[in-house]
Amino acid sequence: MSRNKKALVLSPHTDDAELGCGGTIAKMIEEGWDVHIIYFSAVAERYPNLVEEAAESSKIMGVTHEILNFYTRFFPRDRQEILQALYDHSRSIQYDVVFTPTTTDIHQDHGVVTEEAKRAFRNCTLLGYELPWNNLSVSLNCFIPLKERHIKKKILALDCYDSQKHNPYFNEKFFRSVVKMRGIQLASDFAEGFETIKVRLDQII
């Protein structure tokens, strides 16, 4: 009996997963994938409602999630503990694909998560999702075509994050501009773009 395919999304902070690949998550859930999100920090010291916001967003997306207790901007200090958490997770569940921020993401926390993901998840496909405000340069060479219903689900999930709506990029117009641009690059209605960090071909063909 075949098992459901499994995807893991590494989200350094609550909302990174939805921002970077929320449409793709919606499509995967629609197609029967099991998707789990690890949020490494809820920035609870600054935004006490983020834990509840992330839970509501995950519910809308139809994913399971967990929140770790690392302190934002201190991930470089906690690199070994982050690696161990990822390694333990990689041993407990066999994933088909893992999503993480791109290797060119300039945020220190994001960089640590991606570097340690490359070490912990050696036996599956690893794709980097873009967060344009953190990427001065990025090589996107993998695109997932999306439909309006996937974009609506992404936006609905992001709307849960009331505490983040002060950020200049946190609005529907910007979200749509990114997925529309990536869609044009793929001759599709919409798309999300990814950096191919590593591909395990026998999981695809």
Protein backbone atom coordinates (compact mmCIF):
# COMPACT_ATOMS: atom_id res chain seq x y z
CA MET A 1 0.00 0.00 0.00
CA SER A 2 1.50 3.32 -1.04
CA ARG A 3 1.98 6.00 1.59
CA ASN A 4 1.12 9.67 1.31
CA LYS A 5 4.04 11.77 0.22
CA LYS A 6 5.46 13.88 3.01
CA ALA A 7 6.79 17.43 2.94
CA LEU A 8 8.48 19.41 5.69
CA VAL A 9 8.63 23.21 5.71
CA LEU A 10 11.32 24.84 7.83
CA SER A 11 10.13 28.26 8.95
CA PRO A 12 12.73 30.18 10.99
CA HIS A 13 9.98 32.47 12.25
CA THR A 14 6.22 32.12 12.24
CA ASP A 15 4.89 33.29 8.85
CA ASP A 16 8.05 32.57 6.82
CA ALA A 17 6.59 29.28 5.55
CA GLU A 18 3.35 30.85 4.40
CA LEU A 19 5.13 33.82 2.85
CA GLY A 20 7.64 31.71 0.94
CA CYS A 21 5.57 28.74 -0.16
CA GLY A 22 2.00 29.09 1.09
CA GLY A 23 0.53 28.52 -2.36
CA THR A 24 2.63 25.42 -2.88
CA ILE A 25 1.57 24.09 0.52
CA ALA A 26 -2.09 24.62 -0.43
CA LYS A 27 -1.57 22.72 -3.69
CA MET A 28 0.25 19.85 -1.97
CA ILE A 29 -2.49 19.45 0.63
CA GLU A 30 -5.06 19.45 -2.18
CA GLU A 31 -3.12 16.65 -3.88
CA GLY A 32 -2.97 14.49 -0.76
CA TRP A 33 0.44 15.30 0.66
CA ASP A 34 1.11 15.32 4.39
CA VAL A 35 2.74 18.66 5.20
CA HIS A 36 4.36 19.57 8.50
CA ILE A 37 5.78 22.98 9.43
CA ILE A 38 8.49 23.56 12.01
CA TYR A 39 8.46 27.14 13.28
CA PHE A 40 11.77 27.72 15.06
CA SER A 41 10.74 30.88 16.90
CA ALA A 42 7.47 32.66 17.59
CA VAL A 43 9.20 35.87 18.70
CA ALA A 44 6.97 35.66 21.76
CA GLU A 45 8.97 38.29 23.61
CA ARG A 46 7.85 40.87 21.02
CA TYR A 47 4.59 39.43 19.71
CA PRO A 48 2.76 37.39 22.37
CA ASN A 49 -0.09 36.50 19.97
CA LEU A 50 2.10 34.87 17.32
CA VAL A 51 1.70 31.36 18.71
CA GLU A 52 -2.07 31.59 18.32
CA GLU A 53 -1.75 33.28 14.92
CA ALA A 54 0.50 30.47 13.66
CA ALA A 55 -1.92 27.84 14.96
CA GLU A 56 -4.83 29.48 13.15
CA SER A 57 -2.80 29.80 9.95
CA SER A 58 -1.78 26.14 10.10
CA LYS A 59 -5.41 25.13 10.60
CA ILE A 60 -6.45 27.07 7.51
CA MET A 61 -3.64 25.52 5.47
CA GLY A 62 -4.50 22.02 6.67
CA VAL A 63 -1.01 21.24 7.96
CA THR A 64 0.43 20.00 11.21
CA HIS A 65 2.95 22.21 12.97
CA GLU A 66 5.22 22.62 15.94
CA ILE A 67 6.94 25.64 17.45
CA LEU A 68 10.46 25.44 18.86
CA ASN A 69 11.77 27.89 21.42
CA PHE A 70 14.84 29.44 19.81
CA TYR A 71 15.37 33.17 20.21
CA THR A 72 15.16 35.25 17.06
CA ARG A 73 18.49 36.71 15.86
CA PHE A 74 20.40 34.27 18.08
CA PHE A 75 20.25 31.26 15.77
CA PRO A 76 24.01 31.50 14.98
CA ARG A 77 24.70 31.04 18.68
CA ASP A 78 22.32 28.07 18.84
CA ARG A 79 23.51 26.43 15.61
CA GLN A 80 24.37 23.07 17.17
CA GLU A 81 21.05 22.77 18.98
CA ILE A 82 19.21 23.62 15.76
CA LEU A 83 21.18 20.97 13.87
CA GLN A 84 20.35 18.39 16.53
CA ALA A 85 16.64 19.24 16.38
CA LEU A 86 16.68 18.83 12.60
CA TYR A 87 18.73 15.65 12.74
CA ASP A 88 16.37 14.08 15.26
CA HIS A 89 13.43 14.99 13.03
CA SER A 90 15.10 13.57 9.91
CA ARG A 91 15.63 10.25 11.67
CA SER A 92 12.04 9.98 12.86
CA ILE A 93 10.25 10.69 9.56
CA GLN A 94 11.22 10.07 5.93
CA TYR A 95 10.34 13.18 3.93
CA ASP A 96 10.12 13.40 0.15
CA VAL A 97 10.87 17.11 0.06
CA VAL A 98 12.03 19.72 2.56
CA PHE A 99 11.49 23.45 2.02
CA THR A 100 13.83 25.98 3.63
CA PRO A 101 14.87 29.60 2.92
CA THR A 102 17.19 30.10 -0.06
CA THR A 103 20.94 29.88 0.43
CA THR A 104 21.20 33.60 -0.45
CA ASP A 105 18.78 34.78 2.25
CA ILE A 106 20.62 37.50 4.20
CA HIS A 107 18.77 37.07 7.51
CA GLN A 108 21.13 35.41 9.97
CA ASP A 109 18.46 33.10 11.39
CA HIS A 110 17.35 31.96 7.96
CA GLY A 111 20.92 31.25 6.90
CA VAL A 112 21.52 29.01 9.90
CA VAL A 113 18.37 26.97 9.34
CA THR A 114 19.23 26.36 5.69
CA GLU A 115 22.87 25.47 6.35
CA GLU A 116 21.91 22.99 9.04
CA ALA A 117 19.10 21.58 6.89
CA LYS A 118 21.68 20.69 4.24
CA ARG A 119 23.53 18.67 6.85
CA ALA A 120 20.52 17.05 8.52
CA PHE A 121 18.43 16.09 5.47
CA ARG A 122 20.80 14.19 3.21
CA ASN A 123 18.33 11.72 1.73
CA CYS A 124 15.61 13.88 0.21
CA THR A 125 14.96 16.80 -2.11
CA LEU A 126 15.76 20.21 -0.61
CA LEU A 127 14.22 23.36 -2.10
CA GLY A 128 14.82 26.97 -1.06
CA TYR A 129 11.84 29.34 -0.95
CA GLU A 130 12.25 33.04 -1.64
CA LEU A 131 11.53 35.93 0.69
CA PRO A 132 12.26 38.83 -1.69
CA TRP A 133 13.02 41.43 1.00
CA ASN A 134 15.83 39.17 2.26
CA ASN A 135 17.32 38.32 -1.13
CA LEU A 136 19.64 40.75 -2.88
CA SER A 137 20.25 38.01 -5.43
CA VAL A 138 18.65 34.63 -5.88
CA SER A 139 18.75 31.89 -8.50
CA LEU A 140 15.27 30.44 -8.85
CA ASN A 141 15.38 27.38 -11.11
CA CYS A 142 12.32 25.45 -9.96
CA PHE A 143 8.73 26.70 -10.24
CA ILE A 144 5.42 25.32 -8.99
CA PRO A 145 2.39 26.41 -11.10
CA LEU A 146 -0.56 27.56 -9.01
CA LYS A 147 -4.19 28.52 -9.46
CA GLU A 148 -6.28 31.30 -7.94
CA ARG A 149 -7.63 28.96 -5.26
CA HIS A 150 -4.10 28.25 -4.02
CA ILE A 151 -3.29 31.95 -3.84
CA LYS A 152 -6.52 32.64 -1.96
CA LYS A 153 -5.61 29.97 0.60
CA LYS A 154 -2.12 31.47 1.01
CA ILE A 155 -3.56 34.95 1.54
CA LEU A 156 -6.21 33.66 3.94
CA ALA A 157 -3.52 31.95 6.02
CA LEU A 158 -1.33 35.06 6.06
CA ASP A 159 -4.29 37.17 7.11
CA CYS A 160 -4.14 35.38 10.48
CA TYR A 161 -0.94 37.25 11.31
CA ASP A 162 -2.39 40.52 12.57
CA SER A 163 0.82 41.22 14.49
CA GLN A 164 2.85 41.34 11.25
CA LYS A 165 0.66 43.65 9.17
CA HIS A 166 2.84 46.67 9.99
CA ASN A 167 5.57 45.30 7.70
CA PRO A 168 5.67 47.03 4.29
CA TYR A 169 5.65 43.73 2.39
CA PHE A 170 2.78 42.24 4.37
CA ASN A 171 -0.21 42.97 2.14
CA GLU A 172 -2.22 41.16 -0.51
CA LYS A 173 -1.08 43.41 -3.35
CA PHE A 174 2.55 42.50 -2.76
CA PHE A 175 1.82 38.80 -2.25
CA ARG A 176 -0.03 38.70 -5.55
CA SER A 177 2.66 40.64 -7.42
CA VAL A 178 5.28 38.03 -6.55
CA VAL A 179 3.23 34.97 -7.53
CA LYS A 180 2.03 36.72 -10.69
CA MET A 181 5.59 37.54 -11.75
CA ARG A 182 6.72 33.96 -11.13
CA GLY A 183 3.68 32.73 -13.04
CA ILE A 184 4.65 34.80 -16.06
CA GLN A 185 8.10 33.20 -15.96
CA LEU A 186 6.42 29.79 -16.14
CA ALA A 187 3.63 30.69 -18.60
CA SER A 188 1.15 29.95 -15.82
CA ASP A 189 -1.52 31.94 -14.00
CA PHE A 190 0.60 32.06 -10.85
CA ALA A 191 3.65 30.29 -9.48
CA GLU A 192 6.07 30.17 -6.60
CA GLY A 193 9.77 29.97 -7.37
CA PHE A 194 12.40 27.91 -5.59
CA GLU A 195 16.13 27.42 -5.52
CA THR A 196 17.06 23.82 -6.23
CA ILE A 197 19.50 23.05 -3.44
CA LYS A 198 19.38 19.28 -3.94
CA VAL A 199 17.10 16.92 -5.86
CA ARG A 200 16.70 13.20 -5.23
CA LEU A 201 15.51 11.98 -8.61
CA ASP A 202 14.15 8.60 -7.56
CA GLN A 203 11.53 10.45 -5.51
CA ILE A 204 10.35 12.14 -8.71
CA ILE A 205 10.81 9.61 -11.54
